Amino acid sequence: MRQLAGRRRQPGTPHQWLTSQRLIVAQELLERTGHGIERIAADCGLAPLMLRRHFTRRWGITPQAYRNRFSQLAG
């Protein structure tokens, strides 16, 4: 871990970075696919409850509300 700490450029812990990356993927999947929340959560490596919790904390909107607002499928 000592070597990893010296090379890290992102603030926060490795877990926070990983969660952030998973949420970015979830965001893209919500915009570009019609997959259900359960499948998106699984594709991102999160339980559905954790996806909802982290997503809502980060962006202040639920994944479903985000999809309704920003989905590219509706256009």
PDB file of N, CA and C in Angstrom:
ATOM      1  N   MET A   1       0.819  -1.184   0.000  1.00  0.00           N
ATOM      2  CA  MET A   1       0.000   0.000   0.000  1.00  0.00           C
ATOM      3  C   MET A   1       0.868   1.254   0.000  1.00  0.00           C
ATOM      4  N   ARG A   2       2.039   1.152   0.552  1.00  0.00           N
ATOM      5  CA  ARG A   2       2.919   2.306   0.610  1.00  0.00           C
ATOM      6  C   ARG A   2       3.267   2.815  -0.794  1.00  0.00           C
ATOM      7  N   GLN A   3       3.537   1.911  -1.720  1.00  0.00           N
ATOM      8  CA  GLN A   3       3.845   2.315  -3.097  1.00  0.00           C
ATOM      9  C   GLN A   3       2.625   2.936  -3.757  1.00  0.00           C
ATOM     10  N   LEU A   4       1.462   2.357  -3.528  1.00  0.00           N
ATOM     11  CA  LEU A   4       0.230   2.872  -4.112  1.00  0.00           C
ATOM     12  C   LEU A   4      -0.050   4.293  -3.618  1.00  0.00           C
ATOM     13  N   ALA A   5       0.143   4.530  -2.341  1.00  0.00           N
ATOM     14  CA  ALA A   5      -0.135   5.852  -1.774  1.00  0.00           C
ATOM     15  C   ALA A   5       0.762   6.915  -2.404  1.00  0.00           C
ATOM     16  N   GLY A   6       1.983   6.571  -2.733  1.00  0.00           N
ATOM     17  CA  GLY A   6       2.890   7.534  -3.336  1.00  0.00           C
ATOM     18  C   GLY A   6       2.529   7.880  -4.773  1.00  0.00           C
ATOM     19  N   ARG A   7       1.829   7.010  -5.451  1.00  0.00           N
ATOM     20  CA  ARG A   7       1.499   7.223  -6.870  1.00  0.00           C
ATOM     21  C   ARG A   7       0.099   7.766  -7.094  1.00  0.00           C
ATOM     22  N   ARG A   8      -0.745   7.713  -6.082  1.00  0.00           N
ATOM     23  CA  ARG A   8      -2.121   8.167  -6.245  1.00  0.00           C
ATOM     24  C   ARG A   8      -2.176   9.654  -6.534  1.00  0.00           C
ATOM     25  N   ARG A   9      -2.972  10.014  -7.502  1.00  0.00           N
ATOM     26  CA  ARG A   9      -3.131  11.432  -7.840  1.00  0.00           C
ATOM     27  C   ARG A   9      -4.534  11.917  -7.531  1.00  0.00           C
ATOM     28  N   GLN A  10      -5.453  10.989  -7.363  1.00  0.00           N
ATOM     29  CA  GLN A  10      -6.829  11.349  -7.066  1.00  0.00           C
ATOM     30  C   GLN A  10      -6.994  11.511  -5.561  1.00  0.00           C
ATOM     31  N   PRO A  11      -7.784  12.500  -5.126  1.00  0.00           N
ATOM     32  CA  PRO A  11      -8.040  12.632  -3.698  1.00  0.00           C
ATOM     33  C   PRO A  11      -8.945  11.501  -3.220  1.00  0.00           C
ATOM     34  N   GLY A  12      -8.858  11.188  -1.958  1.00  0.00           N
ATOM     35  CA  GLY A  12      -9.716  10.154  -1.395  1.00  0.00           C
ATOM     36  C   GLY A  12      -9.044   8.799  -1.396  1.00  0.00           C
ATOM     37  N   THR A  13      -9.805   7.818  -0.987  1.00  0.00           N
ATOM     38  CA  THR A  13      -9.295   6.457  -0.876  1.00  0.00           C
ATOM     39  C   THR A  13      -9.480   5.712  -2.198  1.00  0.00           C
ATOM     40  N   PRO A  14      -8.780   4.592  -2.365  1.00  0.00           N
ATOM     41  CA  PRO A  14      -9.024   3.775  -3.563  1.00  0.00           C
ATOM     42  C   PRO A  14     -10.484   3.343  -3.671  1.00  0.00           C
ATOM     43  N   HIS A  15     -11.129   3.060  -2.546  1.00  0.00           N
ATOM     44  CA  HIS A  15     -12.539   2.666  -2.563  1.00  0.00           C
ATOM     45  C   HIS A  15     -13.414   3.805  -3.086  1.00  0.00           C
ATOM     46  N   GLN A  16     -13.132   5.025  -2.667  1.00  0.00           N
ATOM     47  CA  GLN A  16     -13.897   6.175  -3.151  1.00  0.00           C
ATOM     48  C   GLN A  16     -13.697   6.368  -4.653  1.00  0.00           C
ATOM     49  N   TRP A  17     -12.481   6.176  -5.116  1.00  0.00           N
ATOM     50  CA  TRP A  17     -12.207   6.295  -6.550  1.00  0.00           C
ATOM     51  C   TRP A  17     -12.976   5.234  -7.327  1.00  0.00           C
ATOM     52  N   LEU A  18     -12.950   3.988  -6.823  1.00  0.00           N
ATOM     53  CA  LEU A  18     -13.640   2.896  -7.506  1.00  0.00           C
ATOM     54  C   LEU A  18     -15.143   3.141  -7.546  1.00  0.00           C
ATOM     55  N   THR A  19     -15.705   3.577  -6.436  1.00  0.00           N
ATOM     56  CA  THR A  19     -17.137   3.879  -6.405  1.00  0.00           C
ATOM     57  C   THR A  19     -17.466   4.985  -7.403  1.00  0.00           C
ATOM     58  N   SER A  20     -16.632   5.986  -7.480  1.00  0.00           N
ATOM     59  CA  SER A  20     -16.836   7.074  -8.425  1.00  0.00           C
ATOM     60  C   SER A  20     -16.835   6.566  -9.864  1.00  0.00           C
ATOM     61  N   GLN A  21     -15.896   5.687 -10.187  1.00  0.00           N
ATOM     62  CA  GLN A  21     -15.834   5.126 -11.537  1.00  0.00           C
ATOM     63  C   GLN A  21     -17.073   4.298 -11.842  1.00  0.00           C
ATOM     64  N   ARG A  22     -17.531   3.541 -10.863  1.00  0.00           N
ATOM     65  CA  ARG A  22     -18.745   2.729 -11.048  1.00  0.00           C
ATOM     66  C   ARG A  22     -19.960   3.618 -11.293  1.00  0.00           C
ATOM     67  N   LEU A  23     -20.045   4.734 -10.605  1.00  0.00           N
ATOM     68  CA  LEU A  23     -21.171   5.646 -10.783  1.00  0.00           C
ATOM     69  C   LEU A  23     -21.139   6.319 -12.150  1.00  0.00           C
ATOM     70  N   ILE A  24     -19.967   6.596 -12.654  1.00  0.00           N
ATOM     71  CA  ILE A  24     -19.849   7.172 -13.998  1.00  0.00           C
ATOM     72  C   ILE A  24     -20.351   6.173 -15.042  1.00  0.00           C
ATOM     73  N   VAL A  25     -19.991   4.911 -14.884  1.00  0.00           N
ATOM     74  CA  VAL A  25     -20.476   3.873 -15.797  1.00  0.00           C
ATOM     75  C   VAL A  25     -21.991   3.753 -15.678  1.00  0.00           C
ATOM     76  N   ALA A  26     -22.514   3.768 -14.464  1.00  0.00           N
ATOM     77  CA  ALA A  26     -23.963   3.683 -14.264  1.00  0.00           C
ATOM     78  C   ALA A  26     -24.672   4.846 -14.947  1.00  0.00           C
ATOM     79  N   GLN A  27     -24.104   6.021 -14.821  1.00  0.00           N
ATOM     80  CA  GLN A  27     -24.671   7.213 -15.453  1.00  0.00           C
ATOM     81  C   GLN A  27     -24.765   7.015 -16.965  1.00  0.00           C
ATOM     82  N   GLU A  28     -23.714   6.524 -17.570  1.00  0.00           N
ATOM     83  CA  GLU A  28     -23.708   6.292 -19.014  1.00  0.00           C
ATOM     84  C   GLU A  28     -24.730   5.228 -19.412  1.00  0.00           C
ATOM     85  N   LEU A  29     -24.820   4.155 -18.632  1.00  0.00           N
ATOM     86  CA  LEU A  29     -25.781   3.092 -18.932  1.00  0.00           C
ATOM     87  C   LEU A  29     -27.214   3.584 -18.795  1.00  0.00           C
ATOM     88  N   LEU A  30     -27.467   4.427 -17.817  1.00  0.00           N
ATOM     89  CA  LEU A  30     -28.809   4.989 -17.652  1.00  0.00           C
ATOM     90  C   LEU A  30     -29.192   5.859 -18.841  1.00  0.00           C
ATOM     91  N   GLU A  31     -28.234   6.568 -19.382  1.00  0.00           N
ATOM     92  CA  GLU A  31     -28.506   7.448 -20.520  1.00  0.00           C
ATOM     93  C   GLU A  31     -28.680   6.677 -21.823  1.00  0.00           C
ATOM     94  N   ARG A  32     -27.927   5.594 -21.991  1.00  0.00           N
ATOM     95  CA  ARG A  32     -27.815   4.961 -23.309  1.00  0.00           C
ATOM     96  C   ARG A  32     -28.483   3.613 -23.457  1.00  0.00           C
ATOM     97  N   THR A  33     -28.971   3.017 -22.363  1.00  0.00           N
ATOM     98  CA  THR A  33     -29.607   1.704 -22.465  1.00  0.00           C
ATOM     99  C   THR A  33     -30.969   1.731 -21.798  1.00  0.00           C
ATOM    100  N   GLY A  34     -31.738   0.716 -22.059  1.00  0.00           N
ATOM    101  CA  GLY A  34     -33.021   0.543 -21.398  1.00  0.00           C
ATOM    102  C   GLY A  34     -32.961  -0.502 -20.305  1.00  0.00           C
ATOM    103  N   HIS A  35     -31.755  -0.899 -19.915  1.00  0.00           N
ATOM    104  CA  HIS A  35     -31.601  -1.913 -18.877  1.00  0.00           C
ATOM    105  C   HIS A  35     -32.195  -1.438 -17.560  1.00  0.00           C
ATOM    106  N   GLY A  36     -32.692  -2.394 -16.781  1.00  0.00           N
ATOM    107  CA  GLY A  36     -33.232  -2.089 -15.462  1.00  0.00           C
ATOM    108  C   GLY A  36     -32.123  -1.703 -14.487  1.00  0.00           C
ATOM    109  N   ILE A  37     -32.533  -1.101 -13.395  1.00  0.00           N
ATOM    110  CA  ILE A  37     -31.583  -0.664 -12.372  1.00  0.00           C
ATOM    111  C   ILE A  37     -30.802  -1.861 -11.826  1.00  0.00           C
ATOM    112  N   GLU A  38     -31.464  -2.991 -11.658  1.00  0.00           N
ATOM    113  CA  GLU A  38     -30.793  -4.176 -11.123  1.00  0.00           C
ATOM    114  C   GLU A  38     -29.660  -4.622 -12.047  1.00  0.00           C
ATOM    115  N   ARG A  39     -29.917  -4.628 -13.338  1.00  0.00           N
ATOM    116  CA  ARG A  39     -28.870  -5.042 -14.284  1.00  0.00           C
ATOM    117  C   ARG A  39     -27.738  -4.011 -14.330  1.00  0.00           C
ATOM    118  N   ILE A  40     -28.086  -2.748 -14.333  1.00  0.00           N
ATOM    119  CA  ILE A  40     -27.055  -1.706 -14.350  1.00  0.00           C
ATOM    120  C   ILE A  40     -26.195  -1.811 -13.101  1.00  0.00           C
ATOM    121  N   ALA A  41     -26.825  -2.013 -11.956  1.00  0.00           N
ATOM    122  CA  ALA A  41     -26.066  -2.168 -10.711  1.00  0.00           C
ATOM    123  C   ALA A  41     -25.107  -3.346 -10.823  1.00  0.00           C
ATOM    124  N   ALA A  42     -25.596  -4.474 -11.316  1.00  0.00           N
ATOM    125  CA  ALA A  42     -24.744  -5.659 -11.466  1.00  0.00           C
ATOM    126  C   ALA A  42     -23.606  -5.391 -12.447  1.00  0.00           C
ATOM    127  N   ASP A  43     -23.903  -4.729 -13.551  1.00  0.00           N
ATOM    128  CA  ASP A  43     -22.863  -4.416 -14.539  1.00  0.00           C
ATOM    129  C   ASP A  43     -21.791  -3.492 -13.963  1.00  0.00           C
ATOM    130  N   CYS A  44     -22.166  -2.703 -12.973  1.00  0.00           N
ATOM    131  CA  CYS A  44     -21.224  -1.767 -12.346  1.00  0.00           C
ATOM    132  C   CYS A  44     -20.547  -2.352 -11.108  1.00  0.00           C
ATOM    133  N   GLY A  45     -20.947  -3.549 -10.714  1.00  0.00           N
ATOM    134  CA  GLY A  45     -20.349  -4.172  -9.541  1.00  0.00           C
ATOM    135  C   GLY A  45     -20.931  -3.686  -8.229  1.00  0.00           C
ATOM    136  N   LEU A  46     -22.162  -3.234  -8.256  1.00  0.00           N
ATOM    137  CA  LEU A  46     -22.821  -2.754  -7.046  1.00  0.00           C
ATOM    138  C   LEU A  46     -24.141  -3.481  -6.842  1.00  0.00           C
ATOM    139  N   ALA A  47     -24.569  -3.572  -5.598  1.00  0.00           N
ATOM    140  CA  ALA A  47     -25.921  -4.045  -5.305  1.00  0.00           C
ATOM    141  C   ALA A  47     -26.884  -2.918  -5.682  1.00  0.00           C
ATOM    142  N   PRO A  48     -28.110  -3.257  -6.099  1.00  0.00           N
ATOM    143  CA  PRO A  48     -29.055  -2.204  -6.490  1.00  0.00           C
ATOM    144  C   PRO A  48     -29.259  -1.134  -5.409  1.00  0.00           C
ATOM    145  N   LEU A  49     -29.368  -1.551  -4.148  1.00  0.00           N
ATOM    146  CA  LEU A  49     -29.546  -0.583  -3.069  1.00  0.00           C
ATOM    147  C   LEU A  49     -28.350   0.354  -2.966  1.00  0.00           C
ATOM    148  N   MET A  50     -27.153  -0.186  -3.112  1.00  0.00           N
ATOM    149  CA  MET A  50     -25.960   0.648  -3.006  1.00  0.00           C
ATOM    150  C   MET A  50     -25.840   1.590  -4.200  1.00  0.00           C
ATOM    151  N   LEU A  51     -26.225   1.134  -5.378  1.00  0.00           N
ATOM    152  CA  LEU A  51     -26.230   2.024  -6.541  1.00  0.00           C
ATOM    153  C   LEU A  51     -27.157   3.201  -6.271  1.00  0.00           C
ATOM    154  N   ARG A  52     -28.370   2.909  -5.817  1.00  0.00           N
ATOM    155  CA  ARG A  52     -29.326   3.981  -5.541  1.00  0.00           C
ATOM    156  C   ARG A  52     -28.790   4.940  -4.488  1.00  0.00           C
ATOM    157  N   ARG A  53     -28.229   4.385  -3.427  1.00  0.00           N
ATOM    158  CA  ARG A  53     -27.728   5.216  -2.325  1.00  0.00           C
ATOM    159  C   ARG A  53     -26.575   6.116  -2.768  1.00  0.00           C
ATOM    160  N   HIS A  54     -25.556   5.524  -3.409  1.00  0.00           N
ATOM    161  CA  HIS A  54     -24.392   6.308  -3.840  1.00  0.00           C
ATOM    162  C   HIS A  54     -24.758   7.310  -4.931  1.00  0.00           C
ATOM    163  N   PHE A  55     -25.581   6.880  -5.872  1.00  0.00           N
ATOM    164  CA  PHE A  55     -25.982   7.750  -6.978  1.00  0.00           C
ATOM    165  C   PHE A  55     -26.728   8.973  -6.450  1.00  0.00           C
ATOM    166  N   THR A  56     -27.677   8.732  -5.548  1.00  0.00           N
ATOM    167  CA  THR A  56     -28.471   9.830  -4.997  1.00  0.00           C
ATOM    168  C   THR A  56     -27.608  10.773  -4.167  1.00  0.00           C
ATOM    169  N   ARG A  57     -26.672  10.235  -3.404  1.00  0.00           N
ATOM    170  CA  ARG A  57     -25.766  11.088  -2.625  1.00  0.00           C
ATOM    171  C   ARG A  57     -24.897  11.950  -3.526  1.00  0.00           C
ATOM    172  N   ARG A  58     -24.411  11.356  -4.590  1.00  0.00           N
ATOM    173  CA  ARG A  58     -23.471  12.084  -5.459  1.00  0.00           C
ATOM    174  C   ARG A  58     -24.156  13.152  -6.295  1.00  0.00           C
ATOM    175  N   TRP A  59     -25.294  12.807  -6.901  1.00  0.00           N
ATOM    176  CA  TRP A  59     -25.929  13.747  -7.829  1.00  0.00           C
ATOM    177  C   TRP A  59     -27.242  14.344  -7.330  1.00  0.00           C
ATOM    178  N   GLY A  60     -27.712  13.907  -6.165  1.00  0.00           N
ATOM    179  CA  GLY A  60     -28.935  14.485  -5.608  1.00  0.00           C
ATOM    180  C   GLY A  60     -30.193  14.115  -6.368  1.00  0.00           C
ATOM    181  N   ILE A  61     -30.140  13.000  -7.090  1.00  0.00           N
ATOM    182  CA  ILE A  61     -31.275  12.533  -7.887  1.00  0.00           C
ATOM    183  C   ILE A  61     -31.189  11.008  -7.954  1.00  0.00           C
ATOM    184  N   THR A  62     -32.329  10.339  -7.942  1.00  0.00           N
ATOM    185  CA  THR A  62     -32.304   8.882  -8.016  1.00  0.00           C
ATOM    186  C   THR A  62     -31.905   8.436  -9.422  1.00  0.00           C
ATOM    187  N   PRO A  63     -31.409   7.209  -9.550  1.00  0.00           N
ATOM    188  CA  PRO A  63     -31.063   6.727 -10.891  1.00  0.00           C
ATOM    189  C   PRO A  63     -32.252   6.768 -11.862  1.00  0.00           C
ATOM    190  N   GLN A  64     -33.443   6.397 -11.394  1.00  0.00           N
ATOM    191  CA  GLN A  64     -34.610   6.409 -12.277  1.00  0.00           C
ATOM    192  C   GLN A  64     -34.975   7.822 -12.702  1.00  0.00           C
ATOM    193  N   ALA A  65     -34.921   8.759 -11.774  1.00  0.00           N
ATOM    194  CA  ALA A  65     -35.216  10.157 -12.119  1.00  0.00           C
ATOM    195  C   ALA A  65     -34.162  10.699 -13.087  1.00  0.00           C
ATOM    196  N   TYR A  66     -32.905  10.301 -12.880  1.00  0.00           N
ATOM    197  CA  TYR A  66     -31.835  10.705 -13.798  1.00  0.00           C
ATOM    198  C   TYR A  66     -32.134  10.184 -15.197  1.00  0.00           C
ATOM    199  N   ARG A  67     -32.507   8.913 -15.286  1.00  0.00           N
ATOM    200  CA  ARG A  67     -32.831   8.326 -16.593  1.00  0.00           C
ATOM    201  C   ARG A  67     -33.986   9.076 -17.241  1.00  0.00           C
ATOM    202  N   ASN A  68     -35.010   9.356 -16.494  1.00  0.00           N
ATOM    203  CA  ASN A  68     -36.178  10.052 -17.039  1.00  0.00           C
ATOM    204  C   ASN A  68     -35.784  11.428 -17.593  1.00  0.00           C
ATOM    205  N   ARG A  69     -34.838  12.071 -16.955  1.00  0.00           N
ATOM    206  CA  ARG A  69     -34.427  13.413 -17.365  1.00  0.00           C
ATOM    207  C   ARG A  69     -33.429  13.415 -18.516  1.00  0.00           C
ATOM    208  N   PHE A  70     -32.485  12.456 -18.501  1.00  0.00           N
ATOM    209  CA  PHE A  70     -31.355  12.553 -19.420  1.00  0.00           C
ATOM    210  C   PHE A  70     -31.235  11.406 -20.435  1.00  0.00           C
ATOM    211  N   SER A  71     -32.163  10.486 -20.461  1.00  0.00           N
ATOM    212  CA  SER A  71     -32.060   9.344 -21.362  1.00  0.00           C
ATOM    213  C   SER A  71     -32.020   9.781 -22.821  1.00  0.00           C
ATOM    214  N   GLN A  72     -31.117   9.194 -23.576  1.00  0.00           N
ATOM    215  CA  GLN A  72     -31.006   9.459 -25.011  1.00  0.00           C
ATOM    216  C   GLN A  72     -31.958   8.579 -25.814  1.00  0.00           C
ATOM    217  N   LEU A  73     -32.624   7.654 -25.139  1.00  0.00           N
ATOM    218  CA  LEU A  73     -33.544   6.751 -25.821  1.00  0.00           C
ATOM    219  C   LEU A  73     -34.856   7.430 -26.188  1.00  0.00           C
ATOM    220  N   ALA A  74     -35.217   8.458 -25.450  1.00  0.00           N
ATOM    221  CA  ALA A  74     -36.488   9.130 -25.687  1.00  0.00           C
ATOM    222  C   ALA A  74     -36.476   9.987 -26.941  1.00  0.00           C
ATOM    223  N   GLY A  75     -35.285  10.417 -27.373  1.00  0.00           N
ATOM    224  CA  GLY A  75     -35.170  11.322 -28.503  1.00  0.00           C
ATOM    225  C   GLY A  75     -35.391  10.664 -29.785  1.00  0.00           C
TER     226      GLY A  75
END
